[in-house]
């Protein structure tokens, strides 16, 4: 299984997190410069559309990107504290036609002081349509940073919920 991991604004995929993800499959972790490329999402869609990708995982700004990449490629996505409503860096949101359900699992920390979980829930409710297929995990005590045990637990849960074998 090929797993795409999209990192956040000022971060990269740590070796510890990569090791956890590798328990579930091959990890593709493109470096994204959100500051200099306002079209980063479209660039990633173009780069990944010819890859054998089974799932997309993103965190924070990477969760925002993964949300749209998932829809464009019709691949399930696991989104940790995605910056869906507000971002500090401009990104052009690609026009992606939605023609079929595409499972998304949201993991929101109730103590996140970077991406307000209430804003994310409001965004989700506004985009609800006949193609919506998702689960929301509101984790009590979780901040913006994702501990290794939470990452592993949520990836396992996500793959099971998406009906994928690993």
N, C-alpha and C. Protein backbone atom coordinates (compact mmCIF):
# COMPACT_ATOMS: atom_id res chain seq x y z
N UNK A 1 0.85 -1.17 0.00
CA UNK A 1 0.00 0.00 0.00
C UNK A 1 0.89 1.23 0.00
N UNK A 2 0.60 2.19 -0.88
CA UNK A 2 1.32 3.46 -0.93
C UNK A 2 0.53 4.51 -0.16
N UNK A 3 1.21 5.11 0.80
CA UNK A 3 0.63 6.14 1.66
C UNK A 3 1.31 7.46 1.35
N UNK A 4 0.54 8.46 0.98
CA UNK A 4 1.09 9.81 0.78
C UNK A 4 0.89 10.58 2.08
N UNK A 5 1.98 11.16 2.58
CA UNK A 5 1.90 12.00 3.78
C UNK A 5 2.26 13.43 3.39
N UNK A 6 1.34 14.36 3.63
CA UNK A 6 1.55 15.78 3.32
C UNK A 6 1.79 16.51 4.64
N UNK A 7 2.97 17.07 4.78
CA UNK A 7 3.35 17.75 6.03
C UNK A 7 2.70 19.12 6.15
N UNK A 8 2.80 19.67 7.35
CA UNK A 8 2.24 20.99 7.64
C UNK A 8 3.12 22.12 7.16
N UNK A 9 2.73 23.33 7.51
CA UNK A 9 3.35 24.55 7.00
C UNK A 9 4.84 24.65 7.30
N UNK A 10 5.22 24.58 8.53
CA UNK A 10 6.63 24.73 8.92
C UNK A 10 7.18 23.43 9.49
N UNK A 11 6.83 22.32 8.88
CA UNK A 11 7.27 21.04 9.41
C UNK A 11 7.63 20.08 8.28
N UNK A 12 8.19 18.98 8.66
CA UNK A 12 8.49 17.87 7.76
C UNK A 12 8.08 16.59 8.48
N UNK A 13 8.00 15.50 7.76
CA UNK A 13 7.69 14.21 8.36
C UNK A 13 8.90 13.75 9.16
N UNK A 14 8.72 13.57 10.46
CA UNK A 14 9.84 13.12 11.31
C UNK A 14 10.14 11.65 11.04
N UNK A 15 11.36 11.24 11.36
CA UNK A 15 11.75 9.84 11.19
C UNK A 15 10.88 8.92 12.03
N UNK A 16 10.55 9.35 13.26
CA UNK A 16 9.70 8.52 14.13
C UNK A 16 8.32 8.31 13.53
N UNK A 17 7.73 9.37 12.99
CA UNK A 17 6.41 9.24 12.38
C UNK A 17 6.48 8.42 11.09
N UNK A 18 7.56 8.60 10.34
CA UNK A 18 7.72 7.82 9.11
C UNK A 18 7.81 6.32 9.43
N UNK A 19 8.54 5.98 10.50
CA UNK A 19 8.65 4.57 10.90
C UNK A 19 7.28 3.98 11.24
N UNK A 20 6.46 4.76 11.90
CA UNK A 20 5.11 4.27 12.23
C UNK A 20 4.30 4.06 10.95
N UNK A 21 4.34 5.03 10.05
CA UNK A 21 3.59 4.91 8.80
C UNK A 21 4.07 3.73 7.97
N UNK A 22 5.38 3.44 8.03
CA UNK A 22 5.93 2.33 7.26
C UNK A 22 5.43 0.97 7.75
N UNK A 23 4.89 0.91 8.95
CA UNK A 23 4.27 -0.33 9.42
C UNK A 23 3.03 -0.67 8.59
N UNK A 24 2.46 0.35 7.97
CA UNK A 24 1.21 0.18 7.21
C UNK A 24 1.43 0.15 5.70
N UNK A 25 2.59 0.60 5.23
CA UNK A 25 2.83 0.61 3.80
C UNK A 25 4.03 1.46 3.42
N UNK A 26 4.22 1.61 2.13
CA UNK A 26 5.29 2.45 1.59
C UNK A 26 4.89 3.91 1.74
N UNK A 27 5.80 4.74 2.21
CA UNK A 27 5.48 6.14 2.49
C UNK A 27 6.07 7.04 1.40
N UNK A 28 5.20 7.85 0.82
CA UNK A 28 5.60 8.89 -0.13
C UNK A 28 5.36 10.21 0.59
N UNK A 29 6.43 10.98 0.80
CA UNK A 29 6.31 12.22 1.58
C UNK A 29 6.95 13.38 0.82
N UNK A 30 6.21 13.95 -0.13
CA UNK A 30 6.77 15.06 -0.91
C UNK A 30 6.99 16.30 -0.03
N UNK A 31 8.07 17.01 -0.31
CA UNK A 31 8.30 18.28 0.39
C UNK A 31 7.48 19.35 -0.32
N UNK A 32 6.80 20.15 0.47
CA UNK A 32 5.91 21.18 -0.07
C UNK A 32 6.35 22.54 0.46
N UNK A 33 6.56 23.48 -0.46
CA UNK A 33 6.89 24.86 -0.06
C UNK A 33 5.63 25.70 -0.25
N UNK A 34 4.85 25.80 0.80
CA UNK A 34 3.59 26.53 0.74
C UNK A 34 3.81 28.02 0.56
N UNK A 35 4.96 28.52 1.02
CA UNK A 35 5.23 29.96 0.96
C UNK A 35 5.47 30.45 -0.46
N UNK A 36 6.24 29.71 -1.24
CA UNK A 36 6.60 30.20 -2.57
C UNK A 36 5.72 29.65 -3.68
N UNK A 37 4.89 28.67 -3.39
CA UNK A 37 4.04 28.08 -4.41
C UNK A 37 2.57 28.14 -3.97
N UNK A 38 1.87 29.17 -4.40
CA UNK A 38 0.46 29.31 -4.05
C UNK A 38 -0.40 28.23 -4.71
N UNK A 39 0.17 27.52 -5.67
CA UNK A 39 -0.51 26.43 -6.37
C UNK A 39 -0.01 25.07 -5.90
N UNK A 40 0.42 24.98 -4.65
CA UNK A 40 1.01 23.73 -4.15
C UNK A 40 0.06 22.54 -4.27
N UNK A 41 -1.22 22.76 -4.02
CA UNK A 41 -2.18 21.65 -4.07
C UNK A 41 -2.30 21.12 -5.49
N UNK A 42 -2.47 22.01 -6.44
CA UNK A 42 -2.57 21.58 -7.84
C UNK A 42 -1.28 20.88 -8.28
N UNK A 43 -0.14 21.40 -7.85
CA UNK A 43 1.15 20.77 -8.18
C UNK A 43 1.21 19.34 -7.64
N UNK A 44 0.75 19.16 -6.41
CA UNK A 44 0.74 17.82 -5.82
C UNK A 44 -0.23 16.89 -6.54
N UNK A 45 -1.39 17.40 -6.91
CA UNK A 45 -2.35 16.58 -7.67
C UNK A 45 -1.72 16.10 -8.97
N UNK A 46 -1.07 17.01 -9.68
CA UNK A 46 -0.42 16.65 -10.94
C UNK A 46 0.68 15.61 -10.72
N UNK A 47 1.45 15.80 -9.65
CA UNK A 47 2.56 14.89 -9.35
C UNK A 47 2.05 13.50 -8.97
N UNK A 48 0.95 13.45 -8.24
CA UNK A 48 0.47 12.18 -7.68
C UNK A 48 -0.54 11.44 -8.55
N UNK A 49 -1.11 12.09 -9.55
CA UNK A 49 -2.20 11.45 -10.30
C UNK A 49 -1.75 10.23 -11.09
N UNK A 50 -0.47 10.11 -11.38
CA UNK A 50 0.03 8.94 -12.10
C UNK A 50 0.73 7.94 -11.18
N UNK A 51 0.67 8.20 -9.87
CA UNK A 51 1.26 7.29 -8.89
C UNK A 51 0.20 6.27 -8.44
N UNK A 52 0.66 5.14 -7.97
CA UNK A 52 -0.23 4.13 -7.38
C UNK A 52 -0.43 4.48 -5.91
N UNK A 53 -1.35 5.39 -5.63
CA UNK A 53 -1.60 5.87 -4.28
C UNK A 53 -2.89 5.24 -3.75
N UNK A 54 -2.83 4.71 -2.52
CA UNK A 54 -4.04 4.16 -1.93
C UNK A 54 -4.68 5.11 -0.92
N UNK A 55 -3.86 5.82 -0.14
CA UNK A 55 -4.40 6.73 0.87
C UNK A 55 -3.55 7.99 0.96
N UNK A 56 -4.18 9.05 1.48
CA UNK A 56 -3.50 10.32 1.68
C UNK A 56 -3.70 10.73 3.13
N UNK A 57 -2.60 11.12 3.76
CA UNK A 57 -2.63 11.57 5.15
C UNK A 57 -2.02 12.96 5.18
N UNK A 58 -2.64 13.87 5.92
CA UNK A 58 -2.09 15.21 6.04
C UNK A 58 -2.35 15.78 7.42
N UNK A 59 -1.47 16.70 7.81
CA UNK A 59 -1.59 17.33 9.12
C UNK A 59 -1.53 18.84 8.97
N UNK A 60 -2.46 19.53 9.61
CA UNK A 60 -2.52 20.99 9.63
C UNK A 60 -2.65 21.54 8.20
N UNK A 61 -1.68 22.32 7.74
CA UNK A 61 -1.73 22.82 6.36
C UNK A 61 -1.70 21.64 5.38
N UNK A 62 -0.98 20.59 5.75
CA UNK A 62 -0.97 19.38 4.93
C UNK A 62 -2.31 18.68 4.92
N UNK A 63 -3.07 18.82 6.01
CA UNK A 63 -4.43 18.28 6.06
C UNK A 63 -5.36 19.03 5.12
N UNK A 64 -5.15 20.34 5.05
CA UNK A 64 -5.89 21.18 4.10
C UNK A 64 -5.61 20.71 2.67
N UNK A 65 -4.32 20.55 2.35
CA UNK A 65 -3.94 20.09 1.01
C UNK A 65 -4.49 18.69 0.75
N UNK A 66 -4.34 17.80 1.73
CA UNK A 66 -4.78 16.42 1.56
C UNK A 66 -6.29 16.31 1.33
N UNK A 67 -7.05 17.21 1.94
CA UNK A 67 -8.50 17.23 1.76
C UNK A 67 -8.85 17.35 0.27
N UNK A 68 -8.22 18.30 -0.41
CA UNK A 68 -8.52 18.54 -1.82
C UNK A 68 -7.85 17.51 -2.73
N UNK A 69 -6.65 17.06 -2.38
CA UNK A 69 -5.97 16.04 -3.17
C UNK A 69 -6.78 14.74 -3.12
N UNK A 70 -7.27 14.39 -1.95
CA UNK A 70 -8.09 13.20 -1.78
C UNK A 70 -9.32 13.25 -2.69
N UNK A 71 -9.97 14.38 -2.72
CA UNK A 71 -11.16 14.54 -3.55
C UNK A 71 -10.80 14.44 -5.03
N UNK A 72 -9.71 15.10 -5.42
CA UNK A 72 -9.30 15.09 -6.83
C UNK A 72 -8.91 13.69 -7.30
N UNK A 73 -8.20 12.96 -6.46
CA UNK A 73 -7.72 11.63 -6.85
C UNK A 73 -8.68 10.51 -6.46
N UNK A 74 -9.77 10.86 -5.76
CA UNK A 74 -10.74 9.88 -5.28
C UNK A 74 -10.07 8.79 -4.43
N UNK A 75 -9.27 9.25 -3.48
CA UNK A 75 -8.59 8.37 -2.54
C UNK A 75 -8.98 8.77 -1.12
N UNK A 76 -9.12 7.81 -0.21
CA UNK A 76 -9.47 8.15 1.17
C UNK A 76 -8.37 8.96 1.84
N UNK A 77 -8.78 9.81 2.79
CA UNK A 77 -7.82 10.69 3.47
C UNK A 77 -8.01 10.67 4.98
N UNK A 78 -6.88 10.71 5.67
CA UNK A 78 -6.84 10.87 7.12
C UNK A 78 -6.28 12.26 7.39
N UNK A 79 -7.07 13.11 8.04
CA UNK A 79 -6.73 14.52 8.18
C UNK A 79 -6.60 14.88 9.66
N UNK A 80 -5.37 15.20 10.07
CA UNK A 80 -5.11 15.60 11.45
C UNK A 80 -5.17 17.12 11.56
N UNK A 81 -6.08 17.63 12.37
CA UNK A 81 -6.21 19.08 12.60
C UNK A 81 -6.04 19.88 11.30
N UNK A 82 -6.83 19.57 10.27
CA UNK A 82 -6.64 20.24 8.98
C UNK A 82 -7.03 21.72 9.03
N UNK A 83 -6.20 22.56 8.43
CA UNK A 83 -6.44 24.01 8.39
C UNK A 83 -7.40 24.33 7.25
N UNK A 84 -8.63 23.88 7.35
CA UNK A 84 -9.59 24.01 6.25
C UNK A 84 -10.21 25.39 6.15
N UNK A 85 -10.44 26.05 7.26
CA UNK A 85 -11.14 27.34 7.22
C UNK A 85 -10.18 28.53 7.13
N UNK A 86 -9.14 28.53 7.93
CA UNK A 86 -8.21 29.66 7.97
C UNK A 86 -6.78 29.17 7.80
N UNK A 87 -6.01 29.93 7.03
CA UNK A 87 -4.60 29.62 6.82
C UNK A 87 -3.80 30.91 6.85
N UNK A 88 -2.55 30.82 7.28
CA UNK A 88 -1.69 32.01 7.35
C UNK A 88 -0.95 32.24 6.04
N UNK A 89 -1.01 31.29 5.13
CA UNK A 89 -0.34 31.39 3.83
C UNK A 89 -1.39 31.15 2.75
N UNK A 90 -1.38 32.00 1.74
CA UNK A 90 -2.36 31.86 0.66
C UNK A 90 -2.09 30.62 -0.18
N UNK A 91 -3.14 29.88 -0.43
CA UNK A 91 -3.09 28.74 -1.34
C UNK A 91 -4.33 28.80 -2.23
N UNK A 92 -4.11 28.54 -3.50
CA UNK A 92 -5.21 28.50 -4.45
C UNK A 92 -5.90 27.14 -4.33
N UNK A 93 -7.19 27.17 -4.10
CA UNK A 93 -7.95 25.93 -3.98
C UNK A 93 -8.37 25.50 -5.38
N UNK A 94 -7.92 24.32 -5.82
CA UNK A 94 -8.27 23.90 -7.17
C UNK A 94 -9.75 23.58 -7.29
N UNK A 95 -10.27 23.79 -8.47
CA UNK A 95 -11.65 23.43 -8.75
C UNK A 95 -11.69 21.93 -9.02
N UNK A 96 -12.26 21.20 -8.09
CA UNK A 96 -12.29 19.74 -8.18
C UNK A 96 -13.74 19.30 -8.22
N UNK A 97 -14.18 18.74 -9.35
CA UNK A 97 -15.56 18.26 -9.40
C UNK A 97 -15.74 17.06 -8.48
N UNK A 98 -16.80 17.06 -7.71
CA UNK A 98 -17.09 15.96 -6.81
C UNK A 98 -18.17 15.11 -7.45
N UNK A 99 -17.80 13.87 -7.79
CA UNK A 99 -18.76 13.03 -8.50
C UNK A 99 -19.03 11.70 -7.80
N UNK A 100 -18.32 11.47 -6.70
CA UNK A 100 -18.52 10.21 -5.97
C UNK A 100 -18.05 10.39 -4.53
N UNK A 101 -18.58 9.58 -3.63
CA UNK A 101 -18.11 9.67 -2.24
C UNK A 101 -16.63 9.32 -2.14
N UNK A 102 -15.95 10.00 -1.26
CA UNK A 102 -14.53 9.75 -1.02
C UNK A 102 -14.32 9.87 0.49
N UNK A 103 -14.08 8.75 1.15
CA UNK A 103 -14.01 8.71 2.61
C UNK A 103 -12.90 9.59 3.17
N UNK A 104 -13.26 10.35 4.21
CA UNK A 104 -12.30 11.17 4.93
C UNK A 104 -12.52 10.95 6.42
N UNK A 105 -11.42 10.82 7.15
CA UNK A 105 -11.48 10.72 8.60
C UNK A 105 -10.74 11.92 9.17
N UNK A 106 -11.46 12.70 9.98
CA UNK A 106 -10.90 13.90 10.60
C UNK A 106 -10.52 13.58 12.04
N UNK A 107 -9.33 14.00 12.44
CA UNK A 107 -8.89 13.86 13.82
C UNK A 107 -8.62 15.27 14.33
N UNK A 108 -9.44 15.70 15.29
CA UNK A 108 -9.36 17.07 15.79
C UNK A 108 -9.03 17.05 17.27
N UNK A 109 -8.07 17.86 17.65
CA UNK A 109 -7.72 17.99 19.06
C UNK A 109 -8.54 19.08 19.71
N UNK A 110 -9.20 18.76 20.81
CA UNK A 110 -10.04 19.78 21.44
C UNK A 110 -9.19 20.86 22.11
N UNK A 111 -7.89 20.63 22.28
CA UNK A 111 -7.00 21.63 22.86
C UNK A 111 -6.09 22.27 21.81
N UNK A 112 -6.41 22.08 20.54
CA UNK A 112 -5.60 22.67 19.47
C UNK A 112 -5.76 24.18 19.49
N UNK A 113 -4.65 24.90 19.70
CA UNK A 113 -4.69 26.36 19.71
C UNK A 113 -4.10 26.96 18.44
N UNK A 114 -3.82 26.11 17.44
CA UNK A 114 -3.34 26.58 16.14
C UNK A 114 -4.47 26.53 15.12
N UNK A 115 -5.14 25.39 15.02
CA UNK A 115 -6.29 25.22 14.14
C UNK A 115 -7.50 24.96 15.04
N UNK A 116 -8.40 25.92 15.08
CA UNK A 116 -9.56 25.82 15.95
C UNK A 116 -10.47 24.68 15.48
N UNK A 117 -10.69 23.66 16.34
CA UNK A 117 -11.54 22.55 15.91
C UNK A 117 -12.98 22.98 15.61
N UNK A 118 -13.46 24.02 16.27
CA UNK A 118 -14.80 24.53 15.98
C UNK A 118 -14.90 25.07 14.56
N UNK A 119 -13.84 25.74 14.10
CA UNK A 119 -13.81 26.24 12.73
C UNK A 119 -13.83 25.08 11.74
N UNK A 120 -13.10 24.02 12.06
CA UNK A 120 -13.07 22.85 11.17
C UNK A 120 -14.44 22.19 11.11
N UNK A 121 -15.09 22.06 12.25
CA UNK A 121 -16.44 21.48 12.27
C UNK A 121 -17.42 22.34 11.48
N UNK A 122 -17.29 23.67 11.58
CA UNK A 122 -18.15 24.57 10.81
C UNK A 122 -17.91 24.39 9.32
N UNK A 123 -16.64 24.27 8.92
CA UNK A 123 -16.31 24.04 7.50
C UNK A 123 -16.94 22.74 7.02
N UNK A 124 -16.78 21.69 7.80
CA UNK A 124 -17.33 20.39 7.42
C UNK A 124 -18.85 20.48 7.24
N UNK A 125 -19.53 21.16 8.15
CA UNK A 125 -20.99 21.25 8.05
C UNK A 125 -21.43 22.04 6.83
N UNK A 126 -20.63 23.03 6.42
CA UNK A 126 -20.98 23.83 5.24
C UNK A 126 -20.74 23.08 3.94
N UNK A 127 -19.84 22.10 3.94
CA UNK A 127 -19.52 21.38 2.72
C UNK A 127 -20.23 20.03 2.63
N UNK A 128 -21.09 19.76 3.58
CA UNK A 128 -21.85 18.52 3.61
C UNK A 128 -22.72 18.42 2.35
N UNK A 129 -22.65 17.30 1.64
CA UNK A 129 -23.49 17.10 0.45
C UNK A 129 -23.76 15.60 0.27
N UNK A 130 -24.37 15.25 -0.84
CA UNK A 130 -24.75 13.85 -1.06
C UNK A 130 -23.54 12.93 -1.23
N UNK A 131 -22.35 13.50 -1.43
CA UNK A 131 -21.15 12.69 -1.58
C UNK A 131 -20.33 12.60 -0.30
N UNK A 132 -20.83 13.20 0.76
CA UNK A 132 -20.10 13.23 2.02
C UNK A 132 -20.04 11.83 2.64
N UNK A 133 -18.83 11.40 2.94
CA UNK A 133 -18.61 10.13 3.65
C UNK A 133 -17.40 10.34 4.55
N UNK A 134 -17.66 10.53 5.84
CA UNK A 134 -16.53 10.79 6.73
C UNK A 134 -16.82 10.38 8.17
N UNK A 135 -15.76 10.35 8.94
CA UNK A 135 -15.85 10.18 10.39
C UNK A 135 -15.06 11.30 11.03
N UNK A 136 -15.52 11.73 12.20
CA UNK A 136 -14.83 12.78 12.95
C UNK A 136 -14.44 12.21 14.31
N UNK A 137 -13.17 12.30 14.62
CA UNK A 137 -12.68 11.90 15.93
C UNK A 137 -12.23 13.16 16.65
N UNK A 138 -13.02 13.61 17.61
CA UNK A 138 -12.66 14.76 18.43
C UNK A 138 -11.98 14.20 19.67
N UNK A 139 -10.66 14.40 19.75
CA UNK A 139 -9.87 13.78 20.80
C UNK A 139 -9.65 14.73 21.96
N UNK A 140 -10.18 14.36 23.09
CA UNK A 140 -10.02 15.16 24.29
C UNK A 140 -8.56 15.12 24.74
N UNK A 141 -8.02 16.30 25.03
CA UNK A 141 -6.65 16.41 25.51
C UNK A 141 -5.62 16.55 24.41
N UNK A 142 -6.03 16.38 23.15
CA UNK A 142 -5.08 16.47 22.03
C UNK A 142 -4.87 17.93 21.65
N UNK A 143 -3.60 18.31 21.50
CA UNK A 143 -3.25 19.65 21.04
C UNK A 143 -3.01 19.59 19.53
N UNK A 144 -2.29 20.57 19.01
CA UNK A 144 -2.02 20.60 17.57
C UNK A 144 -1.03 19.51 17.16
N UNK A 145 -0.09 19.22 18.02
CA UNK A 145 0.91 18.19 17.72
C UNK A 145 0.33 16.80 17.93
N UNK A 146 0.69 15.89 17.05
CA UNK A 146 0.15 14.53 17.09
C UNK A 146 1.20 13.59 17.69
N UNK A 147 0.95 13.08 18.90
CA UNK A 147 1.88 12.12 19.49
C UNK A 147 1.94 10.83 18.67
N UNK A 148 3.05 10.11 18.81
CA UNK A 148 3.26 8.90 18.02
C UNK A 148 2.18 7.85 18.27
N UNK A 149 1.77 7.68 19.52
CA UNK A 149 0.75 6.66 19.81
C UNK A 149 -0.59 7.03 19.18
N UNK A 150 -0.91 8.31 19.15
CA UNK A 150 -2.16 8.76 18.53
C UNK A 150 -2.09 8.55 17.02
N UNK A 151 -0.94 8.86 16.42
CA UNK A 151 -0.76 8.65 14.98
C UNK A 151 -1.01 7.18 14.63
N UNK A 152 -0.35 6.29 15.35
CA UNK A 152 -0.49 4.86 15.04
C UNK A 152 -1.93 4.38 15.24
N UNK A 153 -2.54 4.79 16.32
CA UNK A 153 -3.92 4.39 16.61
C UNK A 153 -4.88 4.90 15.54
N UNK A 154 -4.72 6.16 15.13
CA UNK A 154 -5.63 6.75 14.15
C UNK A 154 -5.41 6.19 12.75
N UNK A 155 -4.16 5.90 12.38
CA UNK A 155 -3.91 5.31 11.07
C UNK A 155 -4.55 3.93 11.00
N UNK A 156 -4.39 3.13 12.04
CA UNK A 156 -5.00 1.81 12.07
C UNK A 156 -6.52 1.91 11.98
N UNK A 157 -7.10 2.81 12.76
CA UNK A 157 -8.55 3.03 12.74
C UNK A 157 -9.01 3.47 11.35
N UNK A 158 -8.30 4.41 10.77
CA UNK A 158 -8.64 4.94 9.45
C UNK A 158 -8.63 3.84 8.39
N UNK A 159 -7.57 3.05 8.36
CA UNK A 159 -7.48 2.00 7.34
C UNK A 159 -8.61 0.99 7.50
N UNK A 160 -8.95 0.66 8.73
CA UNK A 160 -10.09 -0.24 8.97
C UNK A 160 -11.40 0.41 8.53
N UNK A 161 -11.59 1.67 8.88
CA UNK A 161 -12.83 2.38 8.51
C UNK A 161 -12.96 2.55 7.00
N UNK A 162 -11.82 2.69 6.32
CA UNK A 162 -11.83 2.85 4.87
C UNK A 162 -11.92 1.50 4.15
N UNK A 163 -11.88 0.42 4.92
CA UNK A 163 -11.99 -0.91 4.33
C UNK A 163 -10.73 -1.36 3.61
N UNK A 164 -9.57 -0.88 4.08
CA UNK A 164 -8.31 -1.21 3.44
C UNK A 164 -7.51 -2.19 4.28
N UNK A 165 -6.89 -3.15 3.61
CA UNK A 165 -6.04 -4.12 4.30
C UNK A 165 -4.62 -3.60 4.36
N UNK A 166 -3.96 -3.92 5.44
CA UNK A 166 -2.54 -3.54 5.57
C UNK A 166 -1.77 -4.66 6.21
